[in-house]
Amino acid sequence: MKIEKKKTSPALFVRQVRQELQKVTWPEKKDTFLSSAIVILLIILFSLFFLLTDQIWSFSIKKIIQIGSGF
C-alpha cells in the first residue's frame, strides 16, 4: 500500500508557518525570567546536594578501608 504525499509549494508552506506562529501563546518576559531563575537555583541546590553526598560517601569508604587495613 503506497501513500502519496501531496507536495506543498514553498510560498504556501511559509504562509502556513506564519499562520501557525500567530496561534502560539508566547510567554512574557517576566515568566521566562522566573522560570530561568528557578532552573538555575535548582541546578545549584542539586549540585550542592550531590557534592555533599559524594563527600560523605568518600569519607565513609576511606574510613572503612582504613579500619579494614589496620592503619
N, C-alpha and C. Protein backbone atom coordinates (compact mmCIF):
# COMPACT_ATOMS: atom_id res chain seq x y z
N MET A 1 0.84 -1.17 0.00
CA MET A 1 0.00 0.00 0.00
C MET A 1 0.89 1.24 0.00
N LYS A 2 0.87 1.97 -1.08
CA LYS A 2 1.72 3.15 -1.22
C LYS A 2 0.89 4.41 -0.99
N ILE A 3 1.40 5.26 -0.10
CA ILE A 3 0.71 6.51 0.18
C ILE A 3 1.49 7.64 -0.49
N GLU A 4 0.80 8.40 -1.32
CA GLU A 4 1.45 9.52 -1.98
C GLU A 4 1.28 10.78 -1.14
N LYS A 5 2.37 11.50 -0.99
CA LYS A 5 2.32 12.75 -0.23
C LYS A 5 2.11 13.91 -1.19
N LYS A 6 1.21 14.79 -0.81
CA LYS A 6 0.94 15.97 -1.62
C LYS A 6 2.06 16.98 -1.40
N LYS A 7 2.66 17.47 -2.47
CA LYS A 7 3.75 18.43 -2.35
C LYS A 7 3.19 19.82 -2.13
N THR A 8 3.85 20.56 -1.26
CA THR A 8 3.44 21.92 -0.93
C THR A 8 4.47 22.87 -1.50
N SER A 9 3.99 23.96 -2.08
CA SER A 9 4.93 24.94 -2.62
C SER A 9 5.58 25.69 -1.46
N PRO A 10 6.80 26.19 -1.65
CA PRO A 10 7.48 26.92 -0.58
C PRO A 10 6.69 28.13 -0.09
N ALA A 11 6.02 28.84 -1.00
CA ALA A 11 5.24 30.02 -0.60
C ALA A 11 4.08 29.60 0.30
N LEU A 12 3.38 28.53 -0.06
CA LEU A 12 2.27 28.04 0.76
C LEU A 12 2.77 27.57 2.12
N PHE A 13 3.90 26.90 2.12
CA PHE A 13 4.49 26.44 3.38
C PHE A 13 4.78 27.62 4.30
N VAL A 14 5.38 28.68 3.77
CA VAL A 14 5.71 29.86 4.58
C VAL A 14 4.44 30.49 5.12
N ARG A 15 3.39 30.58 4.30
CA ARG A 15 2.12 31.15 4.78
C ARG A 15 1.53 30.31 5.91
N GLN A 16 1.59 29.00 5.76
CA GLN A 16 1.07 28.11 6.80
C GLN A 16 1.86 28.24 8.09
N VAL A 17 3.17 28.37 7.98
CA VAL A 17 4.01 28.53 9.17
C VAL A 17 3.66 29.83 9.88
N ARG A 18 3.49 30.91 9.12
CA ARG A 18 3.13 32.20 9.73
C ARG A 18 1.77 32.12 10.43
N GLN A 19 0.82 31.43 9.81
CA GLN A 19 -0.50 31.28 10.43
C GLN A 19 -0.39 30.51 11.75
N GLU A 20 0.41 29.46 11.76
CA GLU A 20 0.57 28.68 12.98
C GLU A 20 1.29 29.47 14.07
N LEU A 21 2.28 30.27 13.67
CA LEU A 21 3.01 31.08 14.65
C LEU A 21 2.13 32.13 15.29
N GLN A 22 1.12 32.61 14.57
CA GLN A 22 0.20 33.58 15.14
C GLN A 22 -0.67 32.95 16.22
N LYS A 23 -0.85 31.64 16.18
CA LYS A 23 -1.67 30.94 17.17
C LYS A 23 -0.91 30.65 18.46
N VAL A 24 0.42 30.78 18.41
CA VAL A 24 1.25 30.44 19.57
C VAL A 24 1.09 31.50 20.65
N THR A 25 0.96 31.04 21.89
CA THR A 25 0.93 31.96 23.02
C THR A 25 2.35 32.02 23.59
N TRP A 26 3.01 33.14 23.37
CA TRP A 26 4.39 33.29 23.81
C TRP A 26 4.42 33.72 25.26
N PRO A 27 5.35 33.20 26.07
CA PRO A 27 5.43 33.62 27.48
C PRO A 27 5.95 35.06 27.57
N GLU A 28 5.54 35.71 28.63
CA GLU A 28 6.01 37.08 28.85
C GLU A 28 7.44 37.05 29.38
N LYS A 29 8.09 38.19 29.33
CA LYS A 29 9.49 38.29 29.77
C LYS A 29 9.61 37.89 31.24
N LYS A 30 8.65 38.31 32.04
CA LYS A 30 8.66 38.01 33.48
C LYS A 30 8.60 36.49 33.71
N ASP A 31 7.73 35.81 32.98
CA ASP A 31 7.58 34.36 33.13
C ASP A 31 8.86 33.62 32.72
N THR A 32 9.46 34.07 31.63
CA THR A 32 10.70 33.46 31.16
C THR A 32 11.81 33.65 32.18
N PHE A 33 11.92 34.87 32.72
CA PHE A 33 12.95 35.15 33.72
C PHE A 33 12.74 34.31 34.97
N LEU A 34 11.49 34.23 35.44
CA LEU A 34 11.20 33.46 36.65
C LEU A 34 11.51 31.98 36.45
N SER A 35 11.12 31.44 35.31
CA SER A 35 11.40 30.02 35.03
C SER A 35 12.91 29.77 34.96
N SER A 36 13.64 30.67 34.33
CA SER A 36 15.09 30.52 34.23
C SER A 36 15.74 30.60 35.61
N ALA A 37 15.27 31.52 36.44
CA ALA A 37 15.82 31.67 37.79
C ALA A 37 15.58 30.40 38.62
N ILE A 38 14.40 29.84 38.49
CA ILE A 38 14.08 28.61 39.23
C ILE A 38 14.99 27.47 38.77
N VAL A 39 15.19 27.34 37.46
CA VAL A 39 16.05 26.27 36.94
C VAL A 39 17.48 26.44 37.44
N ILE A 40 18.00 27.66 37.40
CA ILE A 40 19.37 27.91 37.87
C ILE A 40 19.49 27.62 39.36
N LEU A 41 18.50 28.04 40.14
CA LEU A 41 18.51 27.77 41.59
C LEU A 41 18.50 26.27 41.87
N LEU A 42 17.66 25.54 41.15
CA LEU A 42 17.60 24.09 41.36
C LEU A 42 18.89 23.40 40.95
N ILE A 43 19.52 23.88 39.89
CA ILE A 43 20.81 23.31 39.48
C ILE A 43 21.84 23.51 40.58
N ILE A 44 21.87 24.70 41.17
CA ILE A 44 22.82 24.97 42.26
C ILE A 44 22.52 24.09 43.46
N LEU A 45 21.24 23.99 43.84
CA LEU A 45 20.88 23.17 45.01
C LEU A 45 21.21 21.70 44.80
N PHE A 46 20.88 21.16 43.63
CA PHE A 46 21.18 19.76 43.36
C PHE A 46 22.69 19.52 43.29
N SER A 47 23.42 20.48 42.74
CA SER A 47 24.88 20.35 42.69
C SER A 47 25.46 20.29 44.10
N LEU A 48 24.99 21.15 44.97
CA LEU A 48 25.46 21.13 46.36
C LEU A 48 25.08 19.83 47.06
N PHE A 49 23.86 19.36 46.82
CA PHE A 49 23.42 18.10 47.42
C PHE A 49 24.32 16.94 46.99
N PHE A 50 24.58 16.84 45.68
CA PHE A 50 25.41 15.73 45.20
C PHE A 50 26.87 15.89 45.63
N LEU A 51 27.35 17.11 45.74
CA LEU A 51 28.70 17.33 46.25
C LEU A 51 28.79 16.84 47.69
N LEU A 52 27.84 17.22 48.52
CA LEU A 52 27.83 16.80 49.92
C LEU A 52 27.70 15.28 50.03
N THR A 53 26.80 14.71 49.27
CA THR A 53 26.62 13.26 49.29
C THR A 53 27.90 12.54 48.87
N ASP A 54 28.55 13.03 47.84
CA ASP A 54 29.79 12.43 47.36
C ASP A 54 30.88 12.52 48.42
N GLN A 55 30.98 13.65 49.09
CA GLN A 55 31.99 13.82 50.13
C GLN A 55 31.74 12.89 51.32
N ILE A 56 30.49 12.74 51.69
CA ILE A 56 30.16 11.84 52.80
C ILE A 56 30.50 10.40 52.44
N TRP A 57 30.11 9.95 51.25
CA TRP A 57 30.42 8.58 50.83
C TRP A 57 31.94 8.37 50.73
N SER A 58 32.63 9.35 50.18
CA SER A 58 34.08 9.23 50.04
C SER A 58 34.74 9.10 51.42
N PHE A 59 34.33 9.95 52.35
CA PHE A 59 34.89 9.90 53.70
C PHE A 59 34.58 8.55 54.36
N SER A 60 33.34 8.09 54.21
CA SER A 60 32.92 6.82 54.84
C SER A 60 33.71 5.64 54.27
N ILE A 61 33.88 5.59 52.97
CA ILE A 61 34.60 4.48 52.35
C ILE A 61 36.07 4.50 52.75
N LYS A 62 36.68 5.70 52.82
CA LYS A 62 38.08 5.79 53.26
C LYS A 62 38.23 5.29 54.69
N LYS A 63 37.29 5.62 55.57
CA LYS A 63 37.35 5.14 56.95
C LYS A 63 37.19 3.63 57.03
N ILE A 64 36.28 3.08 56.23
CA ILE A 64 36.09 1.62 56.22
C ILE A 64 37.37 0.94 55.73
N ILE A 65 38.00 1.47 54.70
CA ILE A 65 39.24 0.88 54.19
C ILE A 65 40.35 0.98 55.23
N GLN A 66 40.43 2.11 55.94
CA GLN A 66 41.44 2.27 56.98
C GLN A 66 41.24 1.26 58.10
N ILE A 67 40.00 1.07 58.50
CA ILE A 67 39.69 0.10 59.56
C ILE A 67 40.05 -1.32 59.09
N GLY A 68 39.69 -1.63 57.85
CA GLY A 68 39.96 -2.96 57.30
C GLY A 68 41.44 -3.26 57.12
N SER A 69 42.23 -2.22 56.80
CA SER A 69 43.65 -2.45 56.56
C SER A 69 44.46 -2.37 57.86
N GLY A 70 43.87 -1.88 58.94
CA GLY A 70 44.53 -1.85 60.23
C GLY A 70 45.39 -0.61 60.46
N PHE A 71 45.27 0.42 59.65
CA PHE A 71 46.06 1.63 59.86
C PHE A 71 45.30 2.62 60.68
